[in-house]
Every structure is written in C-alpha cells, then in structure tokens.
Amino acid sequence: MFRTTSASALKNAALEKELRGLFLAGLQGDAAAYHAFLQRASKYLRAFLARRLFGWPDEVEDLVQECLLAMHNQRHTYQSDQPLTAWAHAIARYKLIDVLRAKSAREALHDPLDDEMALFAESDEDARMARRDLEGMLQTLPNKQRLPIVHVKLQGLSVAESSRLTGLSESAVKVGIHRGLKALAARIKDMR
C-alpha cells in the first residue's frame, strides 16, 4: 500500500514537472513546447473530466476544449511559483461547474409541449402579440437579468460580448440569464 501511494506521488510529481516545464517554455515563445503542453494537458484533462462526467462523452470532449481555451486565454494569470496542475484543476473545476449548471438549468426549464398546443403561431398577428407579451415580461426584469437575456438569448451575442456591453462580469451575465429565465418561467406558469 505504501509503495502504491509513493508511486502515485512520484507519478504526479513527474507529470507536474513535465507540464510545468512545457508550459513555461511555451510562455517564453517555444511553440513546439506549447503545442506539446496542449497535447499532454488534453489527455490529462480528458481523464480527469471523464471520471466526473461518466456517460457524457460529448460533454467531456467539449469541456476539454473549453478548458484548453481558458488555459490559453488565462495563461497570464498563472503564477510560476505555484503548481501548474493546481491551476489547471481550478480551471477544469470551474468549467465543469458551468456545464453542470447549464445542464441543470436546461432540464429545469424543460416543459413538454401539450398535444393540443399549436406548434406554430397561426398568423403573423399571433407572432406579433407573442413578441409584445415577451417584451412586456422582459421589461419587468431588472437590467442585470433583462439585458443579458436580450443580448445572449435573443440577439445571439456571446456571454463575453454581453459582459462588455453591460459592464457585468461574465459570470454575472450567466447568473442574470439563469435567474431571469427562471423568473420568466415562473411568470408564464402563473399566467396559465
């Protein structure tokens, strides 16, 4: 048992040393080292995430790419006196939480269509009335919920673009969308 723990600790230390060396060389401009870091890190992240998202292989691959992109975009935040794997774990955990929250929100807002409900508006007038009703309900929301919904869900902007337009952080935009959609769903439910 002691040897297994010791062997595991040695393996983790070797991985940390390898990844950290490649990453730091990449930060200094060594493109080959950075490419090797991304390849090695993707294998490491894939295994880490697959254990946590068993049965969701598509989400694992998407999440690996999101983590690598976040690591690339946030590479300036890495403090070279800290373990690289801890920094990578933190990014992976935040991305994993985002995926789980989004999946939970989609499932919570899922409301199956009733058989008798018309799938399409019967006329342009119905569509205009629906748009007017939606705009009226959106106006009841505070700006920190309404604006992210309008930007991201209706206009198709990214969370980052909405963040820039509203002055809210990206996580505040995501929270605003989640809370705003939840409030709208409750209002619609009350109207039935």
C-alpha atoms as a PDB file:
ATOM      1  CA  MET A   1       0.000   0.000   0.000  1.00  0.00           C
ATOM      2  CA  PHE A   2       2.822   2.400   0.884  1.00  0.00           C
ATOM      3  CA  ARG A   3       4.522   1.729  -2.467  1.00  0.00           C
ATOM      4  CA  THR A   4       1.329   2.461  -4.404  1.00  0.00           C
ATOM      5  CA  THR A   5       0.927   5.822  -2.682  1.00  0.00           C
ATOM      6  CA  SER A   6       4.596   6.570  -3.171  1.00  0.00           C
ATOM      7  CA  ALA A   7       4.480   5.525  -6.831  1.00  0.00           C
ATOM      8  CA  SER A   8       1.363   7.660  -7.347  1.00  0.00           C
ATOM      9  CA  ALA A   9       3.034  10.651  -5.696  1.00  0.00           C
ATOM     10  CA  LEU A  10       6.138  10.203  -7.876  1.00  0.00           C
ATOM     11  CA  LYS A  11       3.991   9.930 -10.995  1.00  0.00           C
ATOM     12  CA  ASN A  12       2.087  13.115 -10.065  1.00  0.00           C
ATOM     13  CA  ALA A  13       5.345  14.973  -9.358  1.00  0.00           C
ATOM     14  CA  ALA A  14       6.757  13.877 -12.725  1.00  0.00           C
ATOM     15  CA  LEU A  15       3.570  14.995 -14.500  1.00  0.00           C
ATOM     16  CA  GLU A  16       3.687  18.369 -12.727  1.00  0.00           C
ATOM     17  CA  LYS A  17       7.344  18.842 -13.674  1.00  0.00           C
ATOM     18  CA  GLU A  18       6.738  17.877 -17.323  1.00  0.00           C
ATOM     19  CA  LEU A  19       3.614  20.023 -17.797  1.00  0.00           C
ATOM     20  CA  ARG A  20       5.085  22.995 -15.948  1.00  0.00           C
ATOM     21  CA  GLY A  21       8.300  22.863 -17.973  1.00  0.00           C
ATOM     22  CA  LEU A  22       6.442  22.690 -21.283  1.00  0.00           C
ATOM     23  CA  PHE A  23       4.030  25.455 -20.273  1.00  0.00           C
ATOM     24  CA  LEU A  24       6.744  27.833 -19.078  1.00  0.00           C
ATOM     25  CA  ALA A  25       8.788  27.186 -22.231  1.00  0.00           C
ATOM     26  CA  GLY A  26       5.671  27.910 -24.256  1.00  0.00           C
ATOM     27  CA  LEU A  27       5.169  31.189 -22.406  1.00  0.00           C
ATOM     28  CA  GLN A  28       8.724  32.115 -23.394  1.00  0.00           C
ATOM     29  CA  GLY A  29       7.849  31.641 -27.061  1.00  0.00           C
ATOM     30  CA  ASP A  30       8.715  27.974 -27.677  1.00  0.00           C
ATOM     31  CA  ALA A  31       5.812  26.998 -29.955  1.00  0.00           C
ATOM     32  CA  ALA A  32       6.757  23.311 -30.054  1.00  0.00           C
ATOM     33  CA  ALA A  33       6.834  23.111 -26.251  1.00  0.00           C
ATOM     34  CA  TYR A  34       3.473  24.892 -26.025  1.00  0.00           C
ATOM     35  CA  HIS A  35       1.962  22.519 -28.591  1.00  0.00           C
ATOM     36  CA  ALA A  36       3.337  19.545 -26.616  1.00  0.00           C
ATOM     37  CA  PHE A  37       1.888  21.051 -23.434  1.00  0.00           C
ATOM     38  CA  LEU A  38      -1.578  21.356 -25.029  1.00  0.00           C
ATOM     39  CA  GLN A  39      -1.465  17.768 -26.270  1.00  0.00           C
ATOM     40  CA  ARG A  40      -0.307  16.382 -22.918  1.00  0.00           C
ATOM     41  CA  ALA A  41      -2.730  18.564 -20.953  1.00  0.00           C
ATOM     42  CA  SER A  42      -5.662  17.480 -23.137  1.00  0.00           C
ATOM     43  CA  LYS A  43      -5.006  13.811 -22.269  1.00  0.00           C
ATOM     44  CA  TYR A  44      -4.733  14.684 -18.577  1.00  0.00           C
ATOM     45  CA  LEU A  45      -7.913  16.826 -18.635  1.00  0.00           C
ATOM     46  CA  ARG A  46      -9.846  14.207 -20.630  1.00  0.00           C
ATOM     47  CA  ALA A  47      -9.118  11.554 -17.988  1.00  0.00           C
ATOM     48  CA  PHE A  48      -9.905  13.951 -15.132  1.00  0.00           C
ATOM     49  CA  LEU A  49     -13.242  15.037 -16.660  1.00  0.00           C
ATOM     50  CA  ALA A  50     -14.278  11.596 -17.927  1.00  0.00           C
ATOM     51  CA  ARG A  51     -14.219  10.310 -14.348  1.00  0.00           C
ATOM     52  CA  ARG A  52     -16.599  13.092 -13.345  1.00  0.00           C
ATOM     53  CA  LEU A  53     -18.865  13.065 -16.409  1.00  0.00           C
ATOM     54  CA  PHE A  54     -19.181   9.341 -16.949  1.00  0.00           C
ATOM     55  CA  GLY A  55     -21.805   8.683 -19.614  1.00  0.00           C
ATOM     56  CA  TRP A  56     -21.487  12.133 -21.213  1.00  0.00           C
ATOM     57  CA  PRO A  57     -18.627  11.644 -23.708  1.00  0.00           C
ATOM     58  CA  ASP A  58     -19.663  14.582 -25.914  1.00  0.00           C
ATOM     59  CA  GLU A  59     -19.635  16.932 -22.940  1.00  0.00           C
ATOM     60  CA  VAL A  60     -16.194  15.634 -21.930  1.00  0.00           C
ATOM     61  CA  GLU A  61     -14.702  16.487 -25.331  1.00  0.00           C
ATOM     62  CA  ASP A  62     -16.377  19.910 -25.406  1.00  0.00           C
ATOM     63  CA  LEU A  63     -15.195  20.594 -21.891  1.00  0.00           C
ATOM     64  CA  VAL A  64     -11.606  19.572 -22.659  1.00  0.00           C
ATOM     65  CA  GLN A  65     -11.580  22.120 -25.486  1.00  0.00           C
ATOM     66  CA  GLU A  66     -13.126  24.799 -23.263  1.00  0.00           C
ATOM     67  CA  CYS A  67     -10.523  24.129 -20.564  1.00  0.00           C
ATOM     68  CA  LEU A  68      -7.634  24.348 -23.027  1.00  0.00           C
ATOM     69  CA  LEU A  69      -9.027  27.571 -24.446  1.00  0.00           C
ATOM     70  CA  ALA A  70      -9.483  29.009 -20.948  1.00  0.00           C
ATOM     71  CA  MET A  71      -5.943  27.991 -20.006  1.00  0.00           C
ATOM     72  CA  HIS A  72      -4.642  29.678 -23.145  1.00  0.00           C
ATOM     73  CA  ASN A  73      -6.697  32.835 -22.586  1.00  0.00           C
ATOM     74  CA  GLN A  74      -5.800  32.983 -18.885  1.00  0.00           C
ATOM     75  CA  ARG A  75      -2.146  31.942 -19.208  1.00  0.00           C
ATOM     76  CA  HIS A  76      -1.104  35.367 -17.908  1.00  0.00           C
ATOM     77  CA  THR A  77      -2.770  34.551 -14.559  1.00  0.00           C
ATOM     78  CA  TYR A  78      -0.541  31.552 -13.870  1.00  0.00           C
ATOM     79  CA  GLN A  79       1.923  32.259 -11.070  1.00  0.00           C
ATOM     80  CA  SER A  80       5.120  30.370 -11.854  1.00  0.00           C
ATOM     81  CA  ASP A  81       5.854  29.684  -8.171  1.00  0.00           C
ATOM     82  CA  GLN A  82       2.596  27.709  -7.872  1.00  0.00           C
ATOM     83  CA  PRO A  83       1.866  24.160  -9.097  1.00  0.00           C
ATOM     84  CA  LEU A  84       0.587  24.212 -12.671  1.00  0.00           C
ATOM     85  CA  THR A  85      -1.672  21.200 -12.126  1.00  0.00           C
ATOM     86  CA  ALA A  86      -3.493  23.010  -9.285  1.00  0.00           C
ATOM     87  CA  TRP A  87      -4.099  25.971 -11.614  1.00  0.00           C
ATOM     88  CA  ALA A  88      -5.329  23.617 -14.363  1.00  0.00           C
ATOM     89  CA  HIS A  89      -7.573  21.764 -11.876  1.00  0.00           C
ATOM     90  CA  ALA A  90      -9.147  25.051 -10.782  1.00  0.00           C
ATOM     91  CA  ILE A  91      -9.956  25.978 -14.379  1.00  0.00           C
ATOM     92  CA  ALA A  92     -11.335  22.494 -15.084  1.00  0.00           C
ATOM     93  CA  ARG A  93     -13.498  22.567 -11.945  1.00  0.00           C
ATOM     94  CA  TYR A  94     -14.980  25.971 -12.861  1.00  0.00           C
ATOM     95  CA  LYS A  95     -15.738  24.794 -16.396  1.00  0.00           C
ATOM     96  CA  LEU A  96     -17.236  21.554 -15.062  1.00  0.00           C
ATOM     97  CA  ILE A  97     -19.484  23.502 -12.684  1.00  0.00           C
ATOM     98  CA  ASP A  98     -20.609  25.729 -15.584  1.00  0.00           C
ATOM     99  CA  VAL A  99     -21.555  22.656 -17.642  1.00  0.00           C
ATOM    100  CA  LEU A 100     -23.437  21.057 -14.764  1.00  0.00           C
ATOM    101  CA  ARG A 101     -25.303  24.288 -14.002  1.00  0.00           C
ATOM    102  CA  ALA A 102     -26.256  24.752 -17.658  1.00  0.00           C
ATOM    103  CA  LYS A 103     -27.415  21.146 -17.934  1.00  0.00           C
ATOM    104  CA  SER A 104     -29.459  21.510 -14.749  1.00  0.00           C
ATOM    105  CA  ALA A 105     -30.984  24.788 -15.966  1.00  0.00           C
ATOM    106  CA  ARG A 106     -31.949  23.234 -19.319  1.00  0.00           C
ATOM    107  CA  GLU A 107     -33.611  20.322 -17.570  1.00  0.00           C
ATOM    108  CA  ALA A 108     -35.391  22.581 -15.063  1.00  0.00           C
ATOM    109  CA  LEU A 109     -36.778  24.784 -17.839  1.00  0.00           C
ATOM    110  CA  HIS A 110     -37.830  21.845 -19.996  1.00  0.00           C
ATOM    111  CA  ASP A 111     -41.604  21.825 -20.315  1.00  0.00           C
ATOM    112  CA  PRO A 112     -43.019  19.273 -22.747  1.00  0.00           C
ATOM    113  CA  LEU A 113     -45.493  20.550 -25.315  1.00  0.00           C
ATOM    114  CA  ASP A 114     -49.086  19.606 -24.699  1.00  0.00           C
ATOM    115  CA  ASP A 115     -50.629  17.601 -27.522  1.00  0.00           C
ATOM    116  CA  GLU A 116     -53.281  20.227 -28.138  1.00  0.00           C
ATOM    117  CA  MET A 117     -50.824  23.127 -28.119  1.00  0.00           C
ATOM    118  CA  ALA A 118     -50.248  24.580 -31.567  1.00  0.00           C
ATOM    119  CA  LEU A 119     -46.612  24.306 -32.543  1.00  0.00           C
ATOM    120  CA  PHE A 120     -46.593  27.344 -34.801  1.00  0.00           C
ATOM    121  CA  ALA A 121     -48.352  30.675 -34.467  1.00  0.00           C
ATOM    122  CA  GLU A 122     -51.432  30.625 -36.630  1.00  0.00           C
ATOM    123  CA  SER A 123     -50.874  34.066 -38.051  1.00  0.00           C
ATOM    124  CA  ASP A 124     -48.466  36.969 -38.132  1.00  0.00           C
ATOM    125  CA  GLU A 125     -50.750  38.707 -35.643  1.00  0.00           C
ATOM    126  CA  ASP A 126     -50.244  35.874 -33.131  1.00  0.00           C
ATOM    127  CA  ALA A 127     -46.480  36.170 -33.560  1.00  0.00           C
ATOM    128  CA  ARG A 128     -46.610  39.960 -33.038  1.00  0.00           C
ATOM    129  CA  MET A 129     -48.743  39.509 -29.914  1.00  0.00           C
ATOM    130  CA  ALA A 130     -46.349  36.897 -28.555  1.00  0.00           C
ATOM    131  CA  ARG A 131     -43.378  39.208 -29.198  1.00  0.00           C
ATOM    132  CA  ARG A 132     -45.201  42.089 -27.467  1.00  0.00           C
ATOM    133  CA  ASP A 133     -46.002  39.863 -24.473  1.00  0.00           C
ATOM    134  CA  LEU A 134     -42.404  38.700 -24.241  1.00  0.00           C
ATOM    135  CA  GLU A 135     -41.081  42.255 -24.436  1.00  0.00           C
ATOM    136  CA  GLY A 136     -43.544  43.279 -21.719  1.00  0.00           C
ATOM    137  CA  MET A 137     -42.420  40.466 -19.433  1.00  0.00           C
ATOM    138  CA  LEU A 138     -38.768  41.252 -20.110  1.00  0.00           C
ATOM    139  CA  GLN A 139     -39.374  44.877 -19.078  1.00  0.00           C
ATOM    140  CA  THR A 140     -40.421  43.657 -15.613  1.00  0.00           C
ATOM    141  CA  LEU A 141     -36.960  42.161 -15.045  1.00  0.00           C
ATOM    142  CA  PRO A 142     -34.080  44.184 -13.609  1.00  0.00           C
ATOM    143  CA  ASN A 143     -31.449  45.271 -16.157  1.00  0.00           C
ATOM    144  CA  LYS A 144     -28.885  42.757 -14.822  1.00  0.00           C
ATOM    145  CA  GLN A 145     -31.270  39.968 -15.889  1.00  0.00           C
ATOM    146  CA  ARG A 146     -33.084  41.544 -18.848  1.00  0.00           C
ATOM    147  CA  LEU A 147     -30.056  42.803 -20.784  1.00  0.00           C
ATOM    148  CA  PRO A 148     -28.105  39.504 -20.716  1.00  0.00           C
ATOM    149  CA  ILE A 149     -31.226  37.625 -21.882  1.00  0.00           C
ATOM    150  CA  VAL A 150     -31.788  40.100 -24.719  1.00  0.00           C
ATOM    151  CA  HIS A 151     -28.126  40.047 -25.769  1.00  0.00           C
ATOM    152  CA  VAL A 152     -27.384  36.324 -25.486  1.00  0.00           C
ATOM    153  CA  LYS A 153     -30.721  34.577 -25.978  1.00  0.00           C
ATOM    154  CA  LEU A 154     -32.493  36.937 -28.386  1.00  0.00           C
ATOM    155  CA  GLN A 155     -29.678  38.686 -30.271  1.00  0.00           C
ATOM    156  CA  GLY A 156     -27.298  35.713 -30.256  1.00  0.00           C
ATOM    157  CA  LEU A 157     -24.312  37.546 -28.767  1.00  0.00           C
ATOM    158  CA  SER A 158     -21.736  35.691 -26.704  1.00  0.00           C
ATOM    159  CA  VAL A 159     -21.535  35.945 -22.929  1.00  0.00           C
ATOM    160  CA  ALA A 160     -18.278  37.894 -23.317  1.00  0.00           C
ATOM    161  CA  GLU A 161     -19.922  40.383 -25.704  1.00  0.00           C
ATOM    162  CA  SER A 162     -22.845  40.860 -23.330  1.00  0.00           C
ATOM    163  CA  SER A 163     -20.373  41.349 -20.494  1.00  0.00           C
ATOM    164  CA  ARG A 164     -18.647  44.141 -22.410  1.00  0.00           C
ATOM    165  CA  LEU A 165     -21.950  45.811 -23.333  1.00  0.00           C
ATOM    166  CA  THR A 166     -23.465  45.672 -19.838  1.00  0.00           C
ATOM    167  CA  GLY A 167     -20.356  46.136 -17.734  1.00  0.00           C
ATOM    168  CA  LEU A 168     -21.215  42.955 -15.824  1.00  0.00           C
ATOM    169  CA  SER A 169     -18.706  40.156 -15.318  1.00  0.00           C
ATOM    170  CA  GLU A 170     -19.164  37.066 -17.493  1.00  0.00           C
ATOM    171  CA  SER A 171     -20.334  35.051 -14.502  1.00  0.00           C
ATOM    172  CA  ALA A 172     -22.816  37.821 -13.597  1.00  0.00           C
ATOM    173  CA  VAL A 173     -24.154  37.641 -17.171  1.00  0.00           C
ATOM    174  CA  LYS A 174     -24.631  33.862 -16.853  1.00  0.00           C
ATOM    175  CA  VAL A 175     -26.289  34.231 -13.448  1.00  0.00           C
ATOM    176  CA  GLY A 176     -28.508  37.023 -14.804  1.00  0.00           C
ATOM    177  CA  ILE A 177     -29.642  34.835 -17.693  1.00  0.00           C
ATOM    178  CA  HIS A 178     -30.343  31.888 -15.394  1.00  0.00           C
ATOM    179  CA  ARG A 179     -32.260  33.936 -12.824  1.00  0.00           C
ATOM    180  CA  GLY A 180     -34.101  35.949 -15.472  1.00  0.00           C
ATOM    181  CA  LEU A 181     -35.248  32.859 -17.377  1.00  0.00           C
ATOM    182  CA  LYS A 182     -36.315  31.259 -14.109  1.00  0.00           C
ATOM    183  CA  ALA A 183     -38.347  34.371 -13.216  1.00  0.00           C
ATOM    184  CA  LEU A 184     -39.932  34.452 -16.687  1.00  0.00           C
ATOM    185  CA  ALA A 185     -40.815  30.759 -16.474  1.00  0.00           C
ATOM    186  CA  ALA A 186     -42.483  31.334 -13.094  1.00  0.00           C
ATOM    187  CA  ARG A 187     -44.489  34.259 -14.509  1.00  0.00           C
ATOM    188  CA  ILE A 188     -45.599  32.249 -17.500  1.00  0.00           C
ATOM    189  CA  LYS A 189     -46.602  29.371 -15.237  1.00  0.00           C
ATOM    190  CA  ASP A 190     -48.644  31.772 -13.080  1.00  0.00           C
ATOM    191  CA  MET A 191     -50.462  33.037 -16.195  1.00  0.00           C
ATOM    192  CA  ARG A 192     -51.772  29.566 -17.108  1.00  0.00           C
END
